[in-house]
Amino acid sequence: MASAEVSDEATGGPPTASRSAHGPGRRAFVVGAAATAAGAALAGPLSGTARAAAFGYTDDGTHYVIDTGANLVFKVRKSNGDLASLVYRGTEYQGYGGMNSHIESGLGASTVTVRQSGSTILVSVAHGTLRHYYAARSGENNVYLWTNKADTSVSATRFIVRVKAGLFLNDQPDSYTYAPTTIEASDVFRKSDGQTRSKHFSRLRVMDYDYVGWSANGVGLWVVRSNHEKASGGPFYRSLLRHQSADGGGLYEILYYGQNQTEEQRFGLQGPYVIAFTDGGAPSSSLFPGTLATPWADSLGLSGYVPASGRGRVAGVGITGRNTAYAYTVGLANPAAQYWGSARASDGYWAVSGVLPGTYTLTVFKGELAVYTTSVTVTAGGTTTLNSIAIPSSNDPSNAGAIWRINDWNGTPGGFKNAELMTYAHPSDVRAAAWTGNVVIGSGTETSGFPCYLWKDVNSGLLVYFRLTAAQAAAAHTLRIGVTTAYANGRPQVVVNDRWTSAIPSPPTQPNTRSLTNGSYRGNNHTFTYSVPASAWLADTSQYNVLRINVVSGSGSTSYLSAGTSVDAIDLLN
């Protein structure tokens, strides 16, 4: 169900991240998290003396050295829990800039222990309230990782696999190079050809990929993501995936990231996520989220671990009232966990498995636009079955009769000018079309010619030209502008024919970090409505009415960091 888009493998060229559509029941791992007593796995003495000549571990004084009994030997530093070495088929892959692979930028002094139980070796790392784990299985070229962040006392929002320079060449849009020119903060760069790069430009939403990595010269190095049940931001969140620089590359598993974040941080055990080596091909689909079965982990004593028997399942008979032109996603979320699954195109059937017990808000998304919500309770070992969900017609703004509409309502700026590019490039990128874009209703290019983003200091004041019939001009109408996120409280104020100006609307709640320049339009969808009086329209039906859309805010900087917003759809209702 997931396919790797690996290009130019034979010549060592760069692959792209994999994309997959998670079908019914694909979304949850068998293992996961809940708050339990920390450190259970750390209390006992070492319980094995196998040596690294085959499957087993040794202690070299500084590291625990784990031999998987296949082609992978890795080292964990005893003082801080860093992953200090990854040797596959005799070649060292770990390390760039003199740094190890680790949680965040490294935990510092930690208590690190190791034990072997049959065909599994577990390294446990304790640092304050945080618990982190590495596991190896006999005969596998994989490292399984879990991280339990219990509170905010420890910074642990990502794991970084740091890869030596020169082993993989990659300049894909979800990567960055230390280009000659830094154009924003210290993390957005411009190459000599005018293209932009940043580690933030992931292109992919969480639900779009199972793994990221590289392949060259008969070796594939991948990070297979976890199910993200304790992460935040939902299925459409974008974050760091990988990067490439002059001194090496990095692969990420993001446990929590504050950039353009719409939810509070969740706490608890996340994982497993997997560092996987292959002979150049994609990682095994048996490692993918929703597919990976790890009953072997049930007895390891991981802090916060909940086995399959302690989890439940939710399934829906179907969803009616859908617009079949769009994919629908069902999300479950509460302060402790999040899950999602895709609705079947034919009838809207959906299922989500491996869910921690609790009561969740269930949201049905048309594209990325919430069109239905309810509550559902999940019990351990049980399946909660819901009857067919009927989406009320009024819940989908596309169903409202409109005199004209620019784009359709789906919770994204997709279809607008530059929309796709902006998930992997800066607005100043040479590939971006001009951010101007006055449009004429009826021209056929209303959507493709209208910019996906509007900024106070870049393109505020865009014009929409349209004609009305005599009957339409004699009546008041509602104008709607849907947005998906905003930066610095940017929001639209409208002027009609220089006769009527709307009040400045209150800003909706949006993330308070960079978004539009960071490869993400995903914030909180919001619809601004304006009641335009009949007196604003032109009575002469042969003339064009003119709508001006200004971006207003008392915040923001200049240019692309001035106050701005991302547009979903604009329409004038009957």
Protein backbone atom coordinates (compact mmCIF):
# COMPACT_ATOMS: atom_id res chain seq x y z
CA MET A 1 0.00 0.00 0.00
CA ALA A 2 3.04 2.24 0.27
CA SER A 3 5.56 2.68 -2.45
CA ALA A 4 9.04 4.12 -2.40
CA GLU A 5 9.77 6.72 -5.03
CA VAL A 6 13.46 5.88 -5.30
CA SER A 7 15.01 7.47 -8.38
CA ASP A 8 18.32 6.87 -10.12
CA GLU A 9 19.27 4.07 -7.74
CA ALA A 10 21.58 2.44 -10.20
CA THR A 11 23.70 5.55 -10.52
CA GLY A 12 23.60 6.49 -6.85
CA GLY A 13 21.22 9.38 -7.47
CA PRO A 14 18.91 10.78 -4.82
CA PRO A 15 15.58 9.19 -3.99
CA THR A 16 12.61 11.14 -2.75
CA ALA A 17 10.72 10.38 0.42
CA SER A 18 8.10 7.70 0.08
CA ARG A 19 4.46 8.57 -0.20
CA SER A 20 1.70 6.28 0.92
CA ALA A 21 -2.03 6.42 1.36
CA HIS A 22 -2.93 4.77 4.63
CA GLY A 23 -5.92 2.56 4.00
CA PRO A 24 -8.48 1.47 6.59
CA GLY A 25 -6.80 0.10 9.69
CA ARG A 26 -3.27 1.12 8.67
CA ARG A 27 -2.70 3.84 11.17
CA ALA A 28 -1.55 2.53 14.56
CA PHE A 29 1.40 0.51 15.73
CA VAL A 30 0.87 -2.46 18.00
CA VAL A 31 3.05 -0.75 20.58
CA GLY A 32 2.67 2.69 22.08
CA ALA A 33 2.41 4.72 25.20
CA ALA A 34 0.55 5.51 28.38
CA ALA A 35 1.75 7.05 31.63
CA THR A 36 3.30 4.33 33.82
CA ALA A 37 6.10 4.23 36.35
CA ALA A 38 9.33 5.28 34.64
CA GLY A 39 12.50 3.26 34.61
CA ALA A 40 11.13 -0.26 35.14
CA ALA A 41 13.52 -1.62 32.56
CA LEU A 42 16.52 0.02 34.19
CA ALA A 43 16.34 -1.57 37.63
CA GLY A 44 17.85 -5.00 37.04
CA PRO A 45 21.45 -6.04 36.41
CA LEU A 46 22.77 -7.08 33.03
CA SER A 47 21.24 -10.37 31.97
CA GLY A 48 23.44 -11.58 29.16
CA THR A 49 27.04 -12.00 28.19
CA ALA A 50 26.82 -12.70 24.47
CA ARG A 51 29.74 -11.30 22.52
CA ALA A 52 29.79 -9.35 19.28
CA ALA A 53 31.27 -12.16 17.19
CA ALA A 54 27.64 -12.96 16.37
CA PHE A 55 24.42 -11.53 17.73
CA GLY A 56 25.19 -9.93 21.06
CA TYR A 57 26.88 -7.00 22.77
CA THR A 58 30.20 -6.04 24.28
CA ASP A 59 31.39 -3.18 26.46
CA ASP A 60 34.46 -1.36 25.13
CA GLY A 61 34.63 0.90 28.20
CA THR A 62 33.05 3.90 26.47
CA HIS A 63 30.23 2.28 24.50
CA TYR A 64 27.91 -0.66 24.44
CA VAL A 65 28.68 -2.30 21.10
CA ILE A 66 25.73 -4.19 19.64
CA ASP A 67 26.17 -6.68 16.79
CA THR A 68 22.85 -7.57 15.17
CA GLY A 69 24.24 -10.80 13.80
CA ALA A 70 23.50 -9.51 10.30
CA ASN A 71 25.47 -6.70 8.63
CA LEU A 72 24.99 -3.96 11.22
CA VAL A 73 27.03 -3.09 14.30
CA PHE A 74 26.14 0.01 16.31
CA LYS A 75 27.47 1.69 19.42
CA VAL A 76 25.65 3.56 22.19
CA ARG A 77 27.74 5.87 24.33
CA LYS A 78 27.50 4.87 28.00
CA SER A 79 27.80 8.39 29.40
CA ASN A 80 24.92 10.07 27.53
CA GLY A 81 23.00 7.57 25.39
CA ASP A 82 24.20 8.99 22.05
CA LEU A 83 24.24 6.69 19.04
CA ALA A 84 27.95 6.96 18.35
CA SER A 85 28.48 4.51 15.48
CA LEU A 86 26.50 2.83 12.69
CA VAL A 87 28.67 0.40 10.75
CA TYR A 88 26.91 -1.40 7.89
CA ARG A 89 28.87 -3.90 5.82
CA GLY A 90 32.06 -2.52 7.29
CA THR A 91 31.40 1.14 6.45
CA GLU A 92 30.80 3.79 9.11
CA TYR A 93 27.71 5.86 8.30
CA GLN A 94 27.29 7.75 11.56
CA GLY A 95 28.53 11.25 12.14
CA TYR A 96 28.87 14.67 10.60
CA GLY A 97 30.47 17.73 12.08
CA GLY A 98 31.94 15.62 14.85
CA MET A 99 28.46 14.98 16.28
CA ASN A 100 26.69 11.79 17.23
CA SER A 101 23.12 10.81 16.48
CA HIS A 102 20.88 11.59 19.41
CA ILE A 103 17.75 13.05 20.91
CA GLU A 104 17.60 16.79 20.18
CA SER A 105 21.19 18.05 20.44
CA GLY A 106 22.15 15.37 22.95
CA LEU A 107 20.89 14.63 26.44
CA GLY A 108 24.07 15.05 28.42
CA ALA A 109 24.93 12.91 31.44
CA SER A 110 22.55 9.93 31.59
CA THR A 111 22.24 6.48 33.10
CA VAL A 112 22.68 3.93 30.33
CA THR A 113 22.19 0.18 30.77
CA VAL A 114 22.02 -2.82 28.46
CA ARG A 115 20.48 -6.27 28.69
CA GLN A 116 19.81 -9.18 26.38
CA SER A 117 16.62 -11.22 26.40
CA GLY A 118 16.66 -14.05 23.89
CA SER A 119 16.81 -12.58 20.40
CA THR A 120 16.49 -8.96 21.58
CA ILE A 121 19.08 -6.56 23.02
CA LEU A 122 17.75 -3.44 24.74
CA VAL A 123 19.77 -0.35 25.65
CA SER A 124 17.92 1.89 28.13
CA VAL A 125 18.76 5.57 28.66
CA ALA A 126 17.50 7.55 31.65
CA HIS A 127 17.91 11.32 31.74
CA GLY A 128 15.81 13.08 34.36
CA THR A 129 12.20 12.20 33.62
CA LEU A 130 13.01 11.12 30.05
CA ARG A 131 13.45 7.50 28.99
CA HIS A 132 14.92 6.53 25.63
CA TYR A 133 15.50 3.06 24.21
CA TYR A 134 17.44 1.30 21.44
CA ALA A 135 16.63 -2.30 20.54
CA ALA A 136 18.27 -4.79 18.20
CA ARG A 137 16.83 -8.06 16.91
CA SER A 138 18.95 -11.01 15.93
CA GLY A 139 19.58 -11.15 12.20
CA GLU A 140 18.08 -7.73 11.38
CA ASN A 141 19.80 -4.62 10.00
CA ASN A 142 17.48 -2.39 12.02
CA VAL A 143 17.70 -0.27 15.15
CA TYR A 144 14.34 0.14 16.91
CA LEU A 145 13.92 3.30 19.00
CA TRP A 146 11.40 4.55 21.54
CA THR A 147 11.36 7.88 23.40
CA ASN A 148 9.23 8.69 26.42
CA LYS A 149 9.11 12.39 27.22
CA ALA A 150 7.08 12.72 30.42
CA ASP A 151 7.02 16.51 30.79
CA THR A 152 8.69 19.74 29.71
CA SER A 153 11.65 19.38 32.07
CA VAL A 154 13.68 17.76 29.30
CA SER A 155 13.94 19.02 25.75
CA ALA A 156 13.30 16.02 23.52
CA THR A 157 11.38 16.89 20.39
CA ARG A 158 13.27 14.95 17.73
CA PHE A 159 15.80 12.24 17.06
CA ILE A 160 18.49 13.08 14.50
CA VAL A 161 20.43 10.43 12.59
CA ARG A 162 23.61 12.24 11.58
CA VAL A 163 25.16 10.75 8.45
CA LYS A 164 28.73 11.24 7.25
CA ALA A 165 29.38 13.47 4.28
CA GLY A 166 29.94 11.99 0.84
CA LEU A 167 27.99 8.76 1.31
CA PHE A 168 24.74 10.01 -0.17
CA LEU A 169 24.19 12.92 -2.53
CA ASN A 170 20.85 14.60 -2.17
CA ASP A 171 19.50 17.97 -3.15
CA GLN A 172 15.80 17.19 -3.15
CA PRO A 173 13.27 19.87 -2.14
CA ASP A 174 12.98 18.47 1.38
CA SER A 175 16.68 19.01 1.97
CA TYR A 176 18.98 21.98 2.20
CA THR A 177 22.53 22.91 1.37
CA TYR A 178 24.74 25.48 3.00
CA ALA A 179 24.26 27.74 0.01
CA PRO A 180 26.14 31.02 -0.39
CA THR A 181 23.24 33.22 0.71
CA THR A 182 21.19 33.04 3.87
CA ILE A 183 17.88 34.75 3.17
CA GLU A 184 15.91 34.20 6.36
CA ALA A 185 16.93 33.53 9.94
CA SER A 186 19.76 30.97 9.82
CA ASP A 187 17.85 28.17 8.19
CA VAL A 188 16.65 29.29 4.75
CA PHE A 189 19.22 29.50 1.95
CA ARG A 190 19.40 30.58 -1.68
CA LYS A 191 21.54 28.68 -4.15
CA SER A 192 23.41 30.35 -6.98
CA ASP A 193 20.66 29.36 -9.42
CA GLY A 194 18.03 31.21 -7.37
CA GLN A 195 16.40 28.13 -5.90
CA THR A 196 15.87 28.06 -2.17
CA ARG A 197 16.51 25.29 0.35
CA SER A 198 15.68 24.73 3.99
CA LYS A 199 15.46 21.79 6.33
CA HIS A 200 11.88 22.97 6.93
CA PHE A 201 10.79 22.38 3.33
CA SER A 202 9.41 18.88 3.81
CA ARG A 203 6.81 18.91 1.01
CA LEU A 204 5.11 15.92 2.67
CA ARG A 205 2.44 15.79 5.33
CA VAL A 206 2.84 13.18 8.06
CA MET A 207 0.16 10.99 6.50
CA ASP A 208 1.95 11.07 3.11
CA TYR A 209 5.05 9.10 4.04
CA ASP A 210 6.18 6.02 5.93
CA TYR A 211 9.91 6.61 5.73
CA VAL A 212 12.59 9.01 4.55
CA GLY A 213 16.18 8.42 3.62
CA TRP A 214 18.72 7.87 0.87
CA SER A 215 19.98 5.18 -1.45
CA ALA A 216 23.30 5.01 -3.28
CA ASN A 217 25.89 2.43 -4.31
CA GLY A 218 23.85 -0.54 -3.16
CA VAL A 219 23.03 0.82 0.30
CA GLY A 220 19.82 2.34 1.57
CA LEU A 221 19.67 4.19 4.88
CA TRP A 222 16.16 5.02 6.08
CA VAL A 223 14.24 6.25 9.08
CA VAL A 224 10.82 4.64 9.28
CA ARG A 225 8.55 6.91 11.27
CA SER A 226 6.43 5.93 14.26
CA ASN A 227 2.65 6.21 14.26
CA HIS A 228 2.98 9.68 15.87
CA GLU A 229 0.28 8.92 18.43
CA LYS A 230 2.02 11.14 20.98
CA ALA A 231 3.07 13.81 18.47
CA SER A 232 0.88 16.82 17.69
CA GLY A 233 -0.53 18.59 14.67
CA GLY A 234 -2.62 15.80 13.15
CA PRO A 235 -2.32 13.99 9.82
CA PHE A 236 -1.66 17.11 7.74
CA TYR A 237 1.25 18.46 9.75
CA ARG A 238 4.54 19.15 7.96
CA SER A 239 7.89 19.18 9.68
CA LEU A 240 11.58 18.43 9.23
CA LEU A 241 12.29 15.15 7.43
CA ARG A 242 15.89 15.25 6.29
CA HIS A 243 18.60 17.61 5.19
CA GLN A 244 21.90 17.58 3.35
CA SER A 245 24.80 19.92 3.88
CA ALA A 246 28.45 20.21 3.02
CA ASP A 247 29.57 18.19 6.04
CA GLY A 248 26.91 15.49 6.06
CA GLY A 249 23.21 14.80 6.24
CA GLY A 250 20.49 14.28 8.80
CA LEU A 251 17.37 12.14 8.97
CA TYR A 252 14.69 13.09 11.47
CA GLU A 253 11.94 11.53 13.51
CA ILE A 254 10.02 14.50 14.88
CA LEU A 255 8.50 13.74 18.26
CA TYR A 256 7.12 17.25 18.72
CA TYR A 257 7.86 20.42 16.82
CA GLY A 258 6.63 23.88 17.69
CA GLN A 259 6.94 25.38 14.21
CA ASN A 260 3.45 26.27 12.94
CA GLN A 261 1.99 23.94 15.55
CA THR A 262 -1.79 23.88 16.10
CA GLU A 263 -1.91 21.69 19.21
CA GLU A 264 -0.43 21.46 22.67
CA GLN A 265 2.45 19.07 23.17
CA ARG A 266 1.52 15.52 24.09
CA PHE A 267 3.62 13.41 26.42
CA GLY A 268 4.37 9.71 26.68
CA LEU A 269 6.13 6.94 24.83
CA GLN A 270 6.61 7.40 21.10
CA GLY A 271 7.73 4.57 18.90
CA PRO A 272 9.03 2.40 17.72
CA TYR A 273 10.64 4.33 14.94
CA VAL A 274 13.31 2.45 13.04
CA ILE A 275 16.72 3.12 11.55
CA ALA A 276 16.84 0.61 8.72
CA PHE A 277 19.67 -0.38 6.39
CA THR A 278 18.96 -2.16 3.11
CA ASP A 279 20.85 -3.25 0.01
CA GLY A 280 19.65 -0.11 -1.76
CA GLY A 281 15.93 -0.71 -1.94
CA ALA A 282 13.15 0.68 0.20
CA PRO A 283 12.79 -0.57 3.77
CA SER A 284 10.51 -3.53 4.30
CA SER A 285 6.83 -2.61 4.43
CA SER A 286 6.62 -4.77 7.56
CA LEU A 287 8.28 -1.86 9.39
CA PHE A 288 5.69 0.71 8.29
CA PRO A 289 3.29 2.44 10.69
CA GLY A 290 0.17 0.33 11.14
CA THR A 291 1.96 -2.76 9.81
CA LEU A 292 4.82 -3.30 12.25
CA ALA A 293 4.05 -6.05 14.76
CA THR A 294 6.30 -6.09 17.83
CA PRO A 295 4.93 -8.55 20.40
CA TRP A 296 8.59 -9.19 21.23
CA ALA A 297 8.60 -5.77 22.93
CA ASP A 298 5.76 -6.64 25.32
CA SER A 299 8.13 -8.00 27.95
CA LEU A 300 10.90 -5.42 27.66
CA GLY A 301 9.57 -3.16 30.41
CA LEU A 302 9.53 0.03 28.35
CA SER A 303 8.26 3.00 30.34
CA GLY A 304 4.76 3.90 29.11
CA TYR A 305 4.42 0.85 26.87
CA VAL A 306 0.92 -0.42 26.09
CA PRO A 307 0.67 -3.75 24.25
CA ALA A 308 -1.93 -4.62 21.63
CA SER A 309 -4.17 -6.17 24.27
CA GLY A 310 -4.44 -2.81 26.00
CA ARG A 311 -5.62 -1.00 22.87
CA GLY A 312 -8.86 -0.74 20.94
CA ARG A 313 -10.25 -0.14 17.50
CA VAL A 314 -12.80 2.22 15.94
CA ALA A 315 -14.58 1.52 12.67
CA GLY A 316 -17.21 3.39 10.69
CA VAL A 317 -19.74 1.76 8.36
CA GLY A 318 -19.43 4.66 5.93
CA ILE A 319 -19.74 8.40 5.33
CA THR A 320 -22.55 9.94 3.31
CA GLY A 321 -22.75 13.48 2.04
CA ARG A 322 -19.20 13.32 0.70
CA ASN A 323 -17.93 15.14 -2.37
CA THR A 324 -16.37 12.24 -4.26
CA ALA A 325 -13.85 14.56 -5.90
CA TYR A 326 -11.98 14.69 -2.59
CA ALA A 327 -10.26 12.26 -0.26
CA TYR A 328 -11.74 12.11 3.22
CA THR A 329 -9.77 11.47 6.39
CA VAL A 330 -11.09 10.56 9.84
CA GLY A 331 -9.05 11.85 12.75
CA LEU A 332 -9.17 10.98 16.45
CA ALA A 333 -7.61 13.34 18.98
CA ASN A 334 -7.57 14.11 22.68
CA PRO A 335 -4.89 15.66 24.91
CA ALA A 336 -3.14 12.30 25.28
CA ALA A 337 -3.06 10.84 21.74
CA GLN A 338 -3.92 11.26 18.07
CA TYR A 339 -4.73 8.86 15.22
CA TRP A 340 -6.19 8.98 11.73
CA GLY A 341 -7.34 6.80 8.87
CA SER A 342 -8.46 7.24 5.28
CA ALA A 343 -12.08 6.79 4.28
CA ARG A 344 -12.68 4.37 1.42
CA ALA A 345 -13.52 6.22 -1.77
CA SER A 346 -16.41 3.95 -2.73
CA ASP A 347 -18.51 4.22 0.42
CA GLY A 348 -16.57 6.09 3.10
CA TYR A 349 -15.78 3.03 5.23
CA TRP A 350 -12.92 3.67 7.63
CA ALA A 351 -11.14 2.05 10.56
CA VAL A 352 -8.42 3.01 13.01
CA SER A 353 -6.66 0.33 15.07
CA GLY A 354 -4.19 0.29 17.96
CA VAL A 355 -5.90 3.17 19.76
CA LEU A 356 -5.23 3.87 23.43
CA PRO A 357 -8.39 3.69 25.58
CA GLY A 358 -10.14 7.00 26.10
CA THR A 359 -12.65 9.46 24.73
CA TYR A 360 -11.69 11.23 21.53
CA THR A 361 -12.98 13.99 19.33
CA LEU A 362 -13.66 12.39 15.96
CA THR A 363 -13.28 14.75 13.00
CA VAL A 364 -14.10 14.04 9.37
CA PHE A 365 -11.99 16.06 6.95
CA LYS A 366 -12.86 16.82 3.32
CA GLY A 367 -9.35 17.28 2.02
CA GLU A 368 -8.03 19.16 5.05
CA LEU A 369 -11.27 20.95 5.95
CA ALA A 370 -13.19 19.71 8.99
CA VAL A 371 -16.80 19.06 7.94
CA TYR A 372 -18.06 16.90 10.81
CA THR A 373 -17.18 16.28 14.47
CA THR A 374 -18.49 13.97 17.15
CA SER A 375 -17.18 12.10 20.19
CA VAL A 376 -16.16 8.45 20.40
CA THR A 377 -14.98 6.26 23.28
CA VAL A 378 -12.41 3.50 22.79
CA THR A 379 -11.98 0.58 25.18
CA ALA A 380 -9.09 -1.84 25.54
CA GLY A 381 -9.54 -5.00 23.54
CA GLY A 382 -12.78 -3.83 21.94
CA THR A 383 -14.04 -2.39 18.67
CA THR A 384 -16.27 0.67 18.71
CA THR A 385 -18.45 0.50 15.61
CA LEU A 386 -20.18 3.63 14.38
CA ASN A 387 -23.15 3.74 12.07
CA SER A 388 -22.81 5.61 8.80
CA ILE A 389 -21.88 9.25 9.37
CA ALA A 390 -24.08 11.70 7.48
CA ILE A 391 -22.33 15.01 6.81
CA PRO A 392 -24.97 17.77 6.85
CA SER A 393 -25.03 19.71 3.61
CA SER A 394 -24.54 22.97 5.50
CA ASN A 395 -21.25 21.71 6.98
CA ASP A 396 -19.54 21.85 3.60
CA PRO A 397 -19.20 25.48 2.47
CA SER A 398 -18.97 24.29 -1.16
CA ASN A 399 -22.67 23.41 -1.02
CA ALA A 400 -23.75 27.02 -0.55
CA GLY A 401 -25.09 28.64 -3.70
CA ALA A 402 -22.66 31.23 -5.02
CA ILE A 403 -22.71 33.93 -7.66
CA TRP A 404 -19.03 33.19 -8.15
CA ARG A 405 -16.34 31.21 -6.40
CA ILE A 406 -12.55 31.23 -6.64
CA ASN A 407 -11.16 27.77 -5.84
CA ASP A 408 -13.19 25.20 -3.95
CA TRP A 409 -13.37 24.73 -0.19
CA ASN A 410 -11.07 21.93 0.92
CA GLY A 411 -8.93 23.43 3.68
CA THR A 412 -5.85 23.99 1.51
CA PRO A 413 -4.60 26.63 -0.95
CA GLY A 414 -4.17 23.89 -3.56
CA GLY A 415 -4.99 25.17 -7.04
CA PHE A 416 -3.96 28.75 -6.34
CA LYS A 417 -0.82 30.17 -7.91
CA ASN A 418 2.41 28.84 -6.33
CA ALA A 419 0.52 26.61 -3.86
CA GLU A 420 2.38 23.37 -4.54
CA LEU A 421 5.78 25.06 -4.73
CA MET A 422 5.33 26.69 -1.34
CA THR A 423 5.51 23.34 0.46
CA TYR A 424 9.17 23.05 -0.55
CA ALA A 425 10.42 26.54 -1.38
CA HIS A 426 10.63 30.06 -0.02
CA PRO A 427 8.28 32.65 -1.60
CA SER A 428 11.31 34.45 -3.06
CA ASP A 429 12.37 31.32 -4.97
CA VAL A 430 13.14 31.90 -8.65
CA ARG A 431 10.59 29.23 -9.56
CA ALA A 432 7.71 31.17 -8.02
CA ALA A 433 5.38 33.05 -10.35
CA ALA A 434 4.79 36.73 -9.64
CA TRP A 435 2.87 37.27 -6.41
CA THR A 436 0.62 39.80 -8.12
CA GLY A 437 -2.62 38.41 -9.47
CA ASN A 438 -5.72 40.51 -10.14
CA VAL A 439 -8.39 38.21 -11.62
CA VAL A 440 -11.57 38.49 -13.65
CA ILE A 441 -14.47 36.19 -12.81
CA GLY A 442 -15.40 34.20 -15.88
CA SER A 443 -11.91 34.27 -17.38
CA GLY A 444 -11.24 30.64 -16.57
CA THR A 445 -8.01 31.51 -14.75
CA GLU A 446 -9.51 32.88 -11.55
CA THR A 447 -7.92 30.22 -9.36
CA SER A 448 -4.64 29.53 -11.15
CA GLY A 449 -3.98 33.27 -11.48
CA PHE A 450 -4.70 34.15 -7.85
CA PRO A 451 -1.77 33.89 -5.39
CA CYS A 452 -2.04 31.27 -2.67
CA TYR A 453 -0.60 33.68 -0.07
CA LEU A 454 -1.30 37.35 0.61
CA TRP A 455 1.08 39.62 2.53
CA LYS A 456 0.64 43.13 3.81
CA ASP A 457 4.01 44.20 2.37
CA VAL A 458 4.03 42.14 -0.85
CA ASN A 459 0.69 41.89 -2.62
CA SER A 460 -1.99 43.42 -0.42
CA GLY A 461 -4.72 45.08 -2.43
CA LEU A 462 -5.33 42.35 -5.03
CA LEU A 463 -8.42 42.97 -7.15
CA VAL A 464 -11.25 40.70 -8.23
CA TYR A 465 -13.41 41.95 -11.14
CA PHE A 466 -16.94 40.61 -11.61
CA ARG A 467 -20.29 41.53 -13.09
CA LEU A 468 -23.70 41.23 -11.46
CA THR A 469 -27.16 41.01 -12.93
CA ALA A 470 -29.64 43.74 -12.12
CA ALA A 471 -31.38 41.50 -9.60
CA GLN A 472 -28.09 40.57 -7.93
CA ALA A 473 -26.97 44.21 -7.75
CA ALA A 474 -30.22 45.16 -6.05
CA ALA A 475 -29.59 42.87 -3.06
CA ALA A 476 -27.13 42.53 -0.21
CA HIS A 477 -24.79 39.53 -0.38
CA THR A 478 -22.39 37.65 1.86
CA LEU A 479 -18.75 37.51 0.84
CA ARG A 480 -16.64 34.70 2.32
CA ILE A 481 -12.85 34.35 2.44
CA GLY A 482 -11.48 31.10 3.82
CA VAL A 483 -7.92 30.94 5.16
CA THR A 484 -5.77 28.04 6.33
CA THR A 485 -3.23 29.86 8.49
CA ALA A 486 -1.83 33.33 9.11
CA TYR A 487 1.44 34.93 10.12
CA ALA A 488 1.57 37.89 12.52
CA ASN A 489 -2.25 38.12 12.67
CA GLY A 490 -2.56 38.93 8.99
CA ARG A 491 -6.23 38.94 7.94
CA PRO A 492 -8.29 40.29 5.05
CA GLN A 493 -10.17 43.57 5.02
CA VAL A 494 -12.22 44.16 1.88
CA VAL A 495 -13.26 47.19 -0.14
CA VAL A 496 -16.04 47.07 -2.76
CA ASN A 497 -16.04 49.59 -5.60
CA ASP A 498 -14.44 52.14 -3.27
CA ARG A 499 -17.98 52.58 -1.93
CA TRP A 500 -17.93 50.24 1.02
CA THR A 501 -15.14 49.10 3.32
CA SER A 502 -15.53 46.26 5.77
CA ALA A 503 -14.59 46.51 9.40
CA ILE A 504 -11.22 45.04 10.31
CA PRO A 505 -12.05 41.49 11.46
CA SER A 506 -10.68 40.02 14.66
CA PRO A 507 -7.75 37.67 14.05
CA PRO A 508 -8.52 33.98 14.55
CA THR A 509 -6.26 31.80 16.67
CA GLN A 510 -3.28 30.72 14.59
CA PRO A 511 0.24 29.40 15.27
CA ASN A 512 2.59 32.17 16.36
CA THR A 513 5.65 31.00 14.42
CA ARG A 514 6.74 31.30 10.82
CA SER A 515 4.58 29.34 8.41
CA LEU A 516 4.25 30.87 4.93
CA THR A 517 8.03 31.04 4.50
CA ASN A 518 8.59 27.68 6.15
CA GLY A 519 6.85 25.36 3.74
CA SER A 520 3.57 25.11 5.64
CA TYR A 521 0.09 26.50 5.05
CA ARG A 522 -1.42 24.27 7.74
CA GLY A 523 -2.85 26.24 10.64
CA ASN A 524 -6.43 26.62 11.81
CA ASN A 525 -8.95 26.89 9.01
CA HIS A 526 -11.13 29.96 9.44
CA THR A 527 -13.83 31.64 7.37
CA PHE A 528 -14.20 35.42 7.32
CA THR A 529 -17.68 36.59 6.34
CA TYR A 530 -18.61 40.10 5.18
CA SER A 531 -22.17 41.36 4.80
CA VAL A 532 -21.95 43.62 1.76
CA PRO A 533 -24.93 46.00 1.41
CA ALA A 534 -26.74 46.50 -1.91
CA SER A 535 -25.52 50.08 -1.97
CA ALA A 536 -21.96 48.82 -2.57
CA TRP A 537 -22.76 47.33 -5.99
CA LEU A 538 -22.75 49.02 -9.38
CA ALA A 539 -26.20 49.31 -10.91
CA ASP A 540 -24.84 49.26 -14.46
CA THR A 541 -24.65 45.55 -15.31
CA SER A 542 -22.20 46.21 -18.14
CA GLN A 543 -19.56 47.41 -15.70
CA TYR A 544 -17.26 45.32 -13.57
CA ASN A 545 -17.62 45.49 -9.82
CA VAL A 546 -14.22 45.60 -8.13
CA LEU A 547 -13.37 43.79 -4.91
CA ARG A 548 -10.09 44.79 -3.26
CA ILE A 549 -8.58 42.44 -0.69
CA ASN A 550 -6.19 44.11 1.71
CA VAL A 551 -4.11 42.39 4.38
CA VAL A 552 -4.21 44.21 7.70
CA SER A 553 -2.35 43.75 10.97
CA GLY A 554 -0.42 45.73 13.50
CA SER A 555 2.27 43.07 13.62
CA GLY A 556 4.88 41.56 11.35
CA SER A 557 8.08 42.71 9.74
CA THR A 558 8.67 43.46 6.06
CA SER A 559 8.44 41.64 2.76
CA TYR A 560 7.62 37.94 3.15
CA LEU A 561 7.79 38.26 6.93
CA SER A 562 5.15 40.96 6.94
CA ALA A 563 1.71 39.92 8.15
CA GLY A 564 0.21 37.40 5.77
CA THR A 565 -2.32 34.67 5.26
CA SER A 566 -2.94 31.57 3.16
CA VAL A 567 -6.18 31.40 1.17
CA ASP A 568 -8.50 28.40 0.87
CA ALA A 569 -11.40 29.84 -1.18
CA ILE A 570 -13.25 33.09 -1.89
CA ASP A 571 -16.91 33.34 -2.90
CA LEU A 572 -19.86 35.68 -3.16
CA LEU A 573 -23.08 33.97 -2.12
CA ASN A 574 -26.47 34.31 -3.80
